Amino acid sequence: MRNFTAITVHPEIQDGAPVFSGTRIRIETFYDFMRIGVSVSEFLNEFPSITRDQALEVYDLVKQKYTLDQIKALVSGPASRIDANRGRIQATA
């Protein structure tokens, strides 16, 4: 069982694209930065609203070669739930 606390998927936020929780910054943006060789530290300098823990959780998925569609499915799949106190969707895998 795994909680994805760094990622939110909600139909009213960025058209349902996976974003970093508490932001409107798409996970796709992180992937784009990693693809062109930007380090996690450099990414965090550009997006200070994202925590290091959030970035490292997503970086782990990048290293495992998860696609954006797979991440969205993990987070918003049948085992996911909305944390009413935080407005975040968490998934268990």
C-alpha atoms as a PDB file:
ATOM      1  CA  MET A   1       0.000   0.000   0.000  1.00  0.00           C
ATOM      2  CA  ARG A   2       1.382   3.405  -0.969  1.00  0.00           C
ATOM      3  CA  ASN A   3       0.089   6.922  -0.429  1.00  0.00           C
ATOM      4  CA  PHE A   4       0.886   9.498  -3.083  1.00  0.00           C
ATOM      5  CA  THR A   5       0.796  12.662  -1.017  1.00  0.00           C
ATOM      6  CA  ALA A   6       2.791  14.751  -3.501  1.00  0.00           C
ATOM      7  CA  ILE A   7       0.288  14.397  -6.335  1.00  0.00           C
ATOM      8  CA  THR A   8      -3.276  15.606  -6.725  1.00  0.00           C
ATOM      9  CA  VAL A   9      -5.686  14.765  -9.527  1.00  0.00           C
ATOM     10  CA  HIS A  10      -8.930  16.706  -9.540  1.00  0.00           C
ATOM     11  CA  PRO A  11     -11.135  17.503 -12.540  1.00  0.00           C
ATOM     12  CA  GLU A  12     -11.325  21.191 -11.584  1.00  0.00           C
ATOM     13  CA  ILE A  13      -7.556  21.659 -11.249  1.00  0.00           C
ATOM     14  CA  GLN A  14      -5.583  21.913 -14.503  1.00  0.00           C
ATOM     15  CA  ASP A  15      -8.306  19.956 -16.357  1.00  0.00           C
ATOM     16  CA  GLY A  16      -7.656  16.861 -14.257  1.00  0.00           C
ATOM     17  CA  ALA A  17      -3.928  16.640 -15.043  1.00  0.00           C
ATOM     18  CA  PRO A  18      -1.736  15.392 -12.185  1.00  0.00           C
ATOM     19  CA  VAL A  19      -0.305  18.338 -10.239  1.00  0.00           C
ATOM     20  CA  PHE A  20       1.882  18.780  -7.182  1.00  0.00           C
ATOM     21  CA  SER A  21      -0.464  18.829  -4.181  1.00  0.00           C
ATOM     22  CA  GLY A  22      -1.315  22.310  -2.989  1.00  0.00           C
ATOM     23  CA  THR A  23      -0.251  23.869  -6.295  1.00  0.00           C
ATOM     24  CA  ARG A  24      -1.385  24.129  -9.891  1.00  0.00           C
ATOM     25  CA  ILE A  25       2.020  22.992 -11.168  1.00  0.00           C
ATOM     26  CA  ARG A  26       1.649  19.987 -13.427  1.00  0.00           C
ATOM     27  CA  ILE A  27       3.704  16.849 -12.926  1.00  0.00           C
ATOM     28  CA  GLU A  28       4.267  17.075 -16.682  1.00  0.00           C
ATOM     29  CA  THR A  29       6.308  20.242 -16.073  1.00  0.00           C
ATOM     30  CA  PHE A  30       8.590  18.290 -13.736  1.00  0.00           C
ATOM     31  CA  TYR A  31       8.969  15.556 -16.371  1.00  0.00           C
ATOM     32  CA  ASP A  32       9.849  18.175 -18.994  1.00  0.00           C
ATOM     33  CA  PHE A  33      12.528  19.650 -16.740  1.00  0.00           C
ATOM     34  CA  MET A  34      14.001  16.218 -16.006  1.00  0.00           C
ATOM     35  CA  ARG A  35      13.979  15.326 -19.716  1.00  0.00           C
ATOM     36  CA  ILE A  36      16.171  18.338 -20.585  1.00  0.00           C
ATOM     37  CA  GLY A  37      18.624  17.588 -17.773  1.00  0.00           C
ATOM     38  CA  VAL A  38      17.550  20.038 -15.074  1.00  0.00           C
ATOM     39  CA  SER A  39      18.349  18.808 -11.568  1.00  0.00           C
ATOM     40  CA  VAL A  40      15.748  18.475  -8.839  1.00  0.00           C
ATOM     41  CA  SER A  41      17.434  21.347  -6.962  1.00  0.00           C
ATOM     42  CA  GLU A  42      17.250  23.606 -10.010  1.00  0.00           C
ATOM     43  CA  PHE A  43      13.587  22.685 -10.490  1.00  0.00           C
ATOM     44  CA  LEU A  44      12.862  23.571  -6.865  1.00  0.00           C
ATOM     45  CA  ASN A  45      14.574  26.932  -7.339  1.00  0.00           C
ATOM     46  CA  GLU A  46      12.144  27.651 -10.183  1.00  0.00           C
ATOM     47  CA  PHE A  47       9.091  26.447  -8.250  1.00  0.00           C
ATOM     48  CA  PRO A  48       9.574  27.304  -4.551  1.00  0.00           C
ATOM     49  CA  SER A  49       5.997  26.296  -3.661  1.00  0.00           C
ATOM     50  CA  ILE A  50       6.949  22.647  -4.215  1.00  0.00           C
ATOM     51  CA  THR A  51       8.664  20.936  -1.308  1.00  0.00           C
ATOM     52  CA  ARG A  52      11.747  18.793  -1.681  1.00  0.00           C
ATOM     53  CA  ASP A  53       9.795  15.779  -0.386  1.00  0.00           C
ATOM     54  CA  GLN A  54       7.148  16.297  -3.074  1.00  0.00           C
ATOM     55  CA  ALA A  55       9.771  16.564  -5.807  1.00  0.00           C
ATOM     56  CA  LEU A  56      11.606  13.469  -4.594  1.00  0.00           C
ATOM     57  CA  GLU A  57       8.393  11.430  -4.457  1.00  0.00           C
ATOM     58  CA  VAL A  58       7.686  12.302  -8.089  1.00  0.00           C
ATOM     59  CA  TYR A  59      11.354  11.844  -9.046  1.00  0.00           C
ATOM     60  CA  ASP A  60      11.086   8.285  -7.749  1.00  0.00           C
ATOM     61  CA  LEU A  61       8.248   7.698 -10.221  1.00  0.00           C
ATOM     62  CA  VAL A  62      10.324   9.271 -13.021  1.00  0.00           C
ATOM     63  CA  LYS A  63      13.200   6.893 -12.224  1.00  0.00           C
ATOM     64  CA  GLN A  64      10.782   3.963 -12.364  1.00  0.00           C
ATOM     65  CA  LYS A  65       9.718   5.200 -15.834  1.00  0.00           C
ATOM     66  CA  TYR A  66       6.071   5.782 -14.982  1.00  0.00           C
ATOM     67  CA  THR A  67       4.251   7.709 -17.695  1.00  0.00           C
ATOM     68  CA  LEU A  68       1.981  10.627 -16.880  1.00  0.00           C
ATOM     69  CA  ASP A  69      -1.045   8.478 -17.725  1.00  0.00           C
ATOM     70  CA  GLN A  70       0.169   5.760 -15.355  1.00  0.00           C
ATOM     71  CA  ILE A  71       0.675   8.309 -12.576  1.00  0.00           C
ATOM     72  CA  LYS A  72      -2.812   9.677 -13.113  1.00  0.00           C
ATOM     73  CA  ALA A  73      -4.230   6.145 -12.946  1.00  0.00           C
ATOM     74  CA  LEU A  74      -2.278   5.382  -9.749  1.00  0.00           C
ATOM     75  CA  VAL A  75      -3.509   8.503  -8.031  1.00  0.00           C
ATOM     76  CA  SER A  76      -7.091   8.525  -9.257  1.00  0.00           C
ATOM     77  CA  GLY A  77      -7.647   4.777  -9.546  1.00  0.00           C
ATOM     78  CA  PRO A  78     -10.305   2.743  -7.762  1.00  0.00           C
ATOM     79  CA  ALA A  79      -8.390   2.669  -4.487  1.00  0.00           C
ATOM     80  CA  SER A  80      -8.061   6.433  -4.272  1.00  0.00           C
ATOM     81  CA  ARG A  81      -9.882   8.633  -1.848  1.00  0.00           C
ATOM     82  CA  ILE A  82     -10.259  12.338  -1.172  1.00  0.00           C
ATOM     83  CA  ASP A  83      -8.926  13.599   2.128  1.00  0.00           C
ATOM     84  CA  ALA A  84     -11.699  16.040   3.025  1.00  0.00           C
ATOM     85  CA  ASN A  85      -9.532  17.982   5.474  1.00  0.00           C
ATOM     86  CA  ARG A  86      -6.781  18.629   2.980  1.00  0.00           C
ATOM     87  CA  GLY A  87      -8.577  18.493  -0.371  1.00  0.00           C
ATOM     88  CA  ARG A  88      -6.051  16.001  -1.661  1.00  0.00           C
ATOM     89  CA  ILE A  89      -6.520  12.743  -3.405  1.00  0.00           C
ATOM     90  CA  GLN A  90      -4.423   9.933  -2.091  1.00  0.00           C
ATOM     91  CA  ALA A  91      -4.045   6.522  -3.669  1.00  0.00           C
ATOM     92  CA  THR A  92      -3.008   3.220  -2.292  1.00  0.00           C
ATOM     93  CA  ALA A  93      -1.142   0.800  -4.488  1.00  0.00           C
END
